[in-house]
């Protein structure tokens, strides 16, 4: 059973245009990469930024943590 808050959130999502839905998905994907890059930096502080982003991309694309 969905709560009133969930119902309201679904209504908001249904009302979005396809372009707005795509923009929201792109933002979420960007956040996933940024969060994974932050995790890589914390785990491997010796890596360069290029290495951090390469590793983050591999991890996000590969679905591993």
PDB file of N, CA and C in Angstrom:
ATOM      1  N   UNK A   1       0.848  -1.186   0.000  1.00  0.00           N
ATOM      2  CA  UNK A   1       0.000   0.000   0.000  1.00  0.00           C
ATOM      3  C   UNK A   1       0.888   1.242   0.000  1.00  0.00           C
ATOM      4  N   UNK A   2       0.598   2.158  -0.907  1.00  0.00           N
ATOM      5  CA  UNK A   2       1.394   3.387  -1.012  1.00  0.00           C
ATOM      6  C   UNK A   2       0.839   4.458  -0.095  1.00  0.00           C
ATOM      7  N   UNK A   3       1.760   5.250   0.406  1.00  0.00           N
ATOM      8  CA  UNK A   3       1.361   6.355   1.261  1.00  0.00           C
ATOM      9  C   UNK A   3       0.925   7.538   0.395  1.00  0.00           C
ATOM     10  N   UNK A   4       0.340   8.505   1.022  1.00  0.00           N
ATOM     11  CA  UNK A   4      -0.078   9.715   0.302  1.00  0.00           C
ATOM     12  C   UNK A   4       1.125  10.434  -0.279  1.00  0.00           C
ATOM     13  N   UNK A   5       2.249  10.384   0.417  1.00  0.00           N
ATOM     14  CA  UNK A   5       3.474  11.026  -0.077  1.00  0.00           C
ATOM     15  C   UNK A   5       3.942  10.332  -1.346  1.00  0.00           C
ATOM     16  N   UNK A   6       3.952   8.997  -1.336  1.00  0.00           N
ATOM     17  CA  UNK A   6       4.362   8.256  -2.525  1.00  0.00           C
ATOM     18  C   UNK A   6       3.425   8.526  -3.692  1.00  0.00           C
ATOM     19  N   UNK A   7       2.133   8.554  -3.429  1.00  0.00           N
ATOM     20  CA  UNK A   7       1.164   8.864  -4.483  1.00  0.00           C
ATOM     21  C   UNK A   7       1.455  10.227  -5.099  1.00  0.00           C
ATOM     22  N   UNK A   8       1.730  11.199  -4.241  1.00  0.00           N
ATOM     23  CA  UNK A   8       2.021  12.553  -4.714  1.00  0.00           C
ATOM     24  C   UNK A   8       3.308  12.566  -5.544  1.00  0.00           C
ATOM     25  N   UNK A   9       4.323  11.839  -5.083  1.00  0.00           N
ATOM     26  CA  UNK A   9       5.586  11.781  -5.828  1.00  0.00           C
ATOM     27  C   UNK A   9       5.386  11.139  -7.194  1.00  0.00           C
ATOM     28  N   UNK A  10       4.597  10.071  -7.258  1.00  0.00           N
ATOM     29  CA  UNK A  10       4.325   9.428  -8.545  1.00  0.00           C
ATOM     30  C   UNK A  10       3.579  10.362  -9.487  1.00  0.00           C
ATOM     31  N   UNK A  11       2.663  11.131  -8.966  1.00  0.00           N
ATOM     32  CA  UNK A  11       1.936  12.098  -9.802  1.00  0.00           C
ATOM     33  C   UNK A  11       2.883  13.138 -10.389  1.00  0.00           C
ATOM     34  N   UNK A  12       3.817  13.583  -9.575  1.00  0.00           N
ATOM     35  CA  UNK A  12       4.807  14.548 -10.061  1.00  0.00           C
ATOM     36  C   UNK A  12       5.622  13.927 -11.185  1.00  0.00           C
ATOM     37  N   UNK A  13       6.073  12.688 -10.988  1.00  0.00           N
ATOM     38  CA  UNK A  13       6.867  12.014 -12.021  1.00  0.00           C
ATOM     39  C   UNK A  13       6.068  11.790 -13.293  1.00  0.00           C
ATOM     40  N   UNK A  14       4.818  11.393 -13.166  1.00  0.00           N
ATOM     41  CA  UNK A  14       3.981  11.174 -14.352  1.00  0.00           C
ATOM     42  C   UNK A  14       3.773  12.462 -15.147  1.00  0.00           C
ATOM     43  N   UNK A  15       3.774  13.581 -14.467  1.00  0.00           N
ATOM     44  CA  UNK A  15       3.519  14.862 -15.128  1.00  0.00           C
ATOM     45  C   UNK A  15       4.744  15.409 -15.876  1.00  0.00           C
ATOM     46  N   UNK A  16       5.923  14.843 -15.611  1.00  0.00           N
ATOM     47  CA  UNK A  16       7.132  15.337 -16.271  1.00  0.00           C
ATOM     48  C   UNK A  16       7.119  15.021 -17.760  1.00  0.00           C
ATOM     49  N   UNK A  17       7.676  15.916 -18.522  1.00  0.00           N
ATOM     50  CA  UNK A  17       7.828  15.664 -19.955  1.00  0.00           C
ATOM     51  C   UNK A  17       8.934  14.632 -20.148  1.00  0.00           C
ATOM     52  N   UNK A  18       8.976  13.980 -21.301  1.00  0.00           N
ATOM     53  CA  UNK A  18      10.079  13.056 -21.564  1.00  0.00           C
ATOM     54  C   UNK A  18      11.450  13.724 -21.413  1.00  0.00           C
ATOM     55  N   UNK A  19      11.575  14.961 -21.852  1.00  0.00           N
ATOM     56  CA  UNK A  19      12.855  15.669 -21.731  1.00  0.00           C
ATOM     57  C   UNK A  19      13.220  15.885 -20.265  1.00  0.00           C
ATOM     58  N   UNK A  20      12.249  16.201 -19.434  1.00  0.00           N
ATOM     59  CA  UNK A  20      12.514  16.398 -18.008  1.00  0.00           C
ATOM     60  C   UNK A  20      12.883  15.078 -17.335  1.00  0.00           C
ATOM     61  N   UNK A  21      12.236  13.985 -17.750  1.00  0.00           N
ATOM     62  CA  UNK A  21      12.583  12.673 -17.204  1.00  0.00           C
ATOM     63  C   UNK A  21      14.010  12.294 -17.590  1.00  0.00           C
ATOM     64  N   UNK A  22      14.388  12.568 -18.830  1.00  0.00           N
ATOM     65  CA  UNK A  22      15.744  12.281 -19.282  1.00  0.00           C
ATOM     66  C   UNK A  22      16.760  13.113 -18.499  1.00  0.00           C
ATOM     67  N   UNK A  23      16.465  14.381 -18.305  1.00  0.00           N
ATOM     68  CA  UNK A  23      17.366  15.247 -17.541  1.00  0.00           C
ATOM     69  C   UNK A  23      17.518  14.743 -16.107  1.00  0.00           C
ATOM     70  N   UNK A  24      16.433  14.279 -15.513  1.00  0.00           N
ATOM     71  CA  UNK A  24      16.503  13.745 -14.151  1.00  0.00           C
ATOM     72  C   UNK A  24      17.367  12.488 -14.119  1.00  0.00           C
ATOM     73  N   UNK A  25      17.203  11.615 -15.091  1.00  0.00           N
ATOM     74  CA  UNK A  25      18.021  10.397 -15.148  1.00  0.00           C
ATOM     75  C   UNK A  25      19.486  10.736 -15.349  1.00  0.00           C
ATOM     76  N   UNK A  26      19.776  11.692 -16.207  1.00  0.00           N
ATOM     77  CA  UNK A  26      21.165  12.098 -16.422  1.00  0.00           C
ATOM     78  C   UNK A  26      21.774  12.644 -15.138  1.00  0.00           C
ATOM     79  N   UNK A  27      21.000  13.399 -14.385  1.00  0.00           N
ATOM     80  CA  UNK A  27      21.472  13.923 -13.108  1.00  0.00           C
ATOM     81  C   UNK A  27      21.771  12.804 -12.118  1.00  0.00           C
ATOM     82  N   UNK A  28      20.915  11.788 -12.078  1.00  0.00           N
ATOM     83  CA  UNK A  28      21.142  10.659 -11.179  1.00  0.00           C
ATOM     84  C   UNK A  28      22.383   9.867 -11.581  1.00  0.00           C
ATOM     85  N   UNK A  29      22.574   9.697 -12.873  1.00  0.00           N
ATOM     86  CA  UNK A  29      23.765   8.988 -13.351  1.00  0.00           C
ATOM     87  C   UNK A  29      25.017   9.774 -12.996  1.00  0.00           C
ATOM     88  N   UNK A  30      24.986  11.083 -13.201  1.00  0.00           N
ATOM     89  CA  UNK A  30      26.122  11.941 -12.851  1.00  0.00           C
ATOM     90  C   UNK A  30      26.430  11.824 -11.357  1.00  0.00           C
ATOM     91  N   UNK A  31      25.389  11.815 -10.536  1.00  0.00           N
ATOM     92  CA  UNK A  31      25.591  11.663  -9.087  1.00  0.00           C
ATOM     93  C   UNK A  31      26.221  10.326  -8.749  1.00  0.00           C
ATOM     94  N   UNK A  32      25.823   9.274  -9.444  1.00  0.00           N
ATOM     95  CA  UNK A  32      26.409   7.953  -9.194  1.00  0.00           C
ATOM     96  C   UNK A  32      27.908   7.982  -9.463  1.00  0.00           C
ATOM     97  N   UNK A  33      28.309   8.609 -10.572  1.00  0.00           N
ATOM     98  CA  UNK A  33      29.731   8.700 -10.888  1.00  0.00           C
ATOM     99  C   UNK A  33      30.474   9.549  -9.856  1.00  0.00           C
ATOM    100  N   UNK A  34      29.875  10.659  -9.448  1.00  0.00           N
ATOM    101  CA  UNK A  34      30.531  11.538  -8.464  1.00  0.00           C
ATOM    102  C   UNK A  34      30.678  10.840  -7.112  1.00  0.00           C
ATOM    103  N   UNK A  35      29.644  10.114  -6.698  1.00  0.00           N
ATOM    104  CA  UNK A  35      29.724   9.381  -5.433  1.00  0.00           C
ATOM    105  C   UNK A  35      30.767   8.276  -5.497  1.00  0.00           C
ATOM    106  N   UNK A  36      30.806   7.555  -6.610  1.00  0.00           N
ATOM    107  CA  UNK A  36      31.796   6.484  -6.738  1.00  0.00           C
ATOM    108  C   UNK A  36      33.202   7.067  -6.792  1.00  0.00           C
ATOM    109  N   UNK A  37      33.384   8.216  -7.468  1.00  0.00           N
ATOM    110  CA  UNK A  37      34.700   8.863  -7.507  1.00  0.00           C
ATOM    111  C   UNK A  37      35.124   9.270  -6.097  1.00  0.00           C
ATOM    112  N   UNK A  38      34.206   9.769  -5.300  1.00  0.00           N
ATOM    113  CA  UNK A  38      34.533  10.136  -3.925  1.00  0.00           C
ATOM    114  C   UNK A  38      34.955   8.910  -3.129  1.00  0.00           C
ATOM    115  N   UNK A  39      34.286   7.784  -3.336  1.00  0.00           N
ATOM    116  CA  UNK A  39      34.647   6.547  -2.654  1.00  0.00           C
ATOM    117  C   UNK A  39      36.042   6.082  -3.088  1.00  0.00           C
ATOM    118  N   UNK A  40      36.315   6.154  -4.400  1.00  0.00           N
ATOM    119  CA  UNK A  40      37.634   5.746  -4.908  1.00  0.00           C
ATOM    120  C   UNK A  40      38.717   6.630  -4.296  1.00  0.00           C
ATOM    121  N   UNK A  41      38.475   7.946  -4.238  1.00  0.00           N
ATOM    122  CA  UNK A  41      39.454   8.867  -3.637  1.00  0.00           C
ATOM    123  C   UNK A  41      39.736   8.492  -2.186  1.00  0.00           C
ATOM    124  N   UNK A  42      38.686   8.160  -1.444  1.00  0.00           N
ATOM    125  CA  UNK A  42      38.845   7.817  -0.028  1.00  0.00           C
ATOM    126  C   UNK A  42      39.613   6.501   0.137  1.00  0.00           C
ATOM    127  N   UNK A  43      39.378   5.569  -0.752  1.00  0.00           N
ATOM    128  CA  UNK A  43      40.032   4.267  -0.670  1.00  0.00           C
ATOM    129  C   UNK A  43      41.462   4.286  -1.199  1.00  0.00           C
ATOM    130  N   UNK A  44      41.704   5.155  -2.195  1.00  0.00           N
ATOM    131  CA  UNK A  44      43.015   5.194  -2.861  1.00  0.00           C
ATOM    132  C   UNK A  44      43.466   6.639  -3.058  1.00  0.00           C
ATOM    133  N   UNK A  45      43.861   7.312  -1.974  1.00  0.00           N
ATOM    134  CA  UNK A  45      44.204   8.733  -2.069  1.00  0.00           C
ATOM    135  C   UNK A  45      45.432   9.020  -2.936  1.00  0.00           C
ATOM    136  N   UNK A  46      46.209   8.015  -3.263  1.00  0.00           N
ATOM    137  CA  UNK A  46      47.412   8.198  -4.083  1.00  0.00           C
ATOM    138  C   UNK A  46      47.090   8.322  -5.579  1.00  0.00           C
ATOM    139  N   UNK A  47      45.862   7.999  -5.985  1.00  0.00           N
ATOM    140  CA  UNK A  47      45.516   8.040  -7.409  1.00  0.00           C
ATOM    141  C   UNK A  47      45.354   9.471  -7.911  1.00  0.00           C
ATOM    142  N   UNK A  48      45.716   9.688  -9.163  1.00  0.00           N
ATOM    143  CA  UNK A  48      45.480  10.988  -9.802  1.00  0.00           C
ATOM    144  C   UNK A  48      43.984  11.117 -10.106  1.00  0.00           C
ATOM    145  N   UNK A  49      43.551  12.327 -10.420  1.00  0.00           N
ATOM    146  CA  UNK A  49      42.138  12.534 -10.753  1.00  0.00           C
ATOM    147  C   UNK A  49      41.736  11.708 -11.975  1.00  0.00           C
ATOM    148  N   UNK A  50      42.624  11.619 -12.947  1.00  0.00           N
ATOM    149  CA  UNK A  50      42.321  10.809 -14.126  1.00  0.00           C
ATOM    150  C   UNK A  50      42.130   9.351 -13.734  1.00  0.00           C
ATOM    151  N   UNK A  51      42.998   8.847 -12.871  1.00  0.00           N
ATOM    152  CA  UNK A  51      42.888   7.466 -12.407  1.00  0.00           C
ATOM    153  C   UNK A  51      41.623   7.258 -11.574  1.00  0.00           C
ATOM    154  N   UNK A  52      41.286   8.250 -10.757  1.00  0.00           N
ATOM    155  CA  UNK A  52      40.068   8.169  -9.944  1.00  0.00           C
ATOM    156  C   UNK A  52      38.855   8.027 -10.854  1.00  0.00           C
ATOM    157  N   UNK A  53      38.752   8.888 -11.856  1.00  0.00           N
ATOM    158  CA  UNK A  53      37.581   8.866 -12.738  1.00  0.00           C
ATOM    159  C   UNK A  53      37.553   7.623 -13.613  1.00  0.00           C
ATOM    160  N   UNK A  54      38.718   7.137 -14.007  1.00  0.00           N
ATOM    161  CA  UNK A  54      38.758   5.896 -14.778  1.00  0.00           C
ATOM    162  C   UNK A  54      38.233   4.741 -13.932  1.00  0.00           C
ATOM    163  N   UNK A  55      38.726   4.641 -12.712  1.00  0.00           N
ATOM    164  CA  UNK A  55      38.294   3.572 -11.804  1.00  0.00           C
ATOM    165  C   UNK A  55      36.811   3.719 -11.462  1.00  0.00           C
ATOM    166  N   UNK A  56      36.361   4.933 -11.199  1.00  0.00           N
ATOM    167  CA  UNK A  56      34.949   5.168 -10.886  1.00  0.00           C
ATOM    168  C   UNK A  56      34.071   4.745 -12.057  1.00  0.00           C
ATOM    169  N   UNK A  57      34.478   5.086 -13.258  1.00  0.00           N
ATOM    170  CA  UNK A  57      33.711   4.711 -14.447  1.00  0.00           C
ATOM    171  C   UNK A  57      33.624   3.204 -14.595  1.00  0.00           C
ATOM    172  N   UNK A  58      34.748   2.528 -14.365  1.00  0.00           N
ATOM    173  CA  UNK A  58      34.754   1.071 -14.442  1.00  0.00           C
ATOM    174  C   UNK A  58      33.794   0.471 -13.414  1.00  0.00           C
ATOM    175  N   UNK A  59      33.825   0.994 -12.199  1.00  0.00           N
ATOM    176  CA  UNK A  59      32.991   0.468 -11.133  1.00  0.00           C
ATOM    177  C   UNK A  59      31.513   0.735 -11.378  1.00  0.00           C
ATOM    178  N   UNK A  60      31.169   1.924 -11.835  1.00  0.00           N
ATOM    179  CA  UNK A  60      29.767   2.243 -12.093  1.00  0.00           C
ATOM    180  C   UNK A  60      29.257   1.419 -13.266  1.00  0.00           C
ATOM    181  N   UNK A  61      30.016   1.371 -14.333  1.00  0.00           N
ATOM    182  CA  UNK A  61      29.590   0.633 -15.526  1.00  0.00           C
ATOM    183  C   UNK A  61      29.527  -0.865 -15.260  1.00  0.00           C
ATOM    184  N   UNK A  62      30.449  -1.343 -14.421  1.00  0.00           N
ATOM    185  CA  UNK A  62      30.490  -2.756 -14.112  1.00  0.00           C
ATOM    186  C   UNK A  62      29.523  -3.192 -13.037  1.00  0.00           C
ATOM    187  N   UNK A  63      28.962  -2.214 -12.343  1.00  0.00           N
ATOM    188  CA  UNK A  63      28.000  -2.512 -11.299  1.00  0.00           C
ATOM    189  C   UNK A  63      28.590  -3.087 -10.029  1.00  0.00           C
ATOM    190  N   UNK A  64      29.892  -2.968  -9.846  1.00  0.00           N
ATOM    191  CA  UNK A  64      30.523  -3.472  -8.634  1.00  0.00           C
ATOM    192  C   UNK A  64      30.635  -2.341  -7.613  1.00  0.00           C
ATOM    193  N   UNK A  65      30.812  -2.705  -6.358  1.00  0.00           N
ATOM    194  CA  UNK A  65      30.962  -1.666  -5.332  1.00  0.00           C
ATOM    195  C   UNK A  65      32.414  -1.505  -4.921  1.00  0.00           C
TER     196      UNK A  65
END
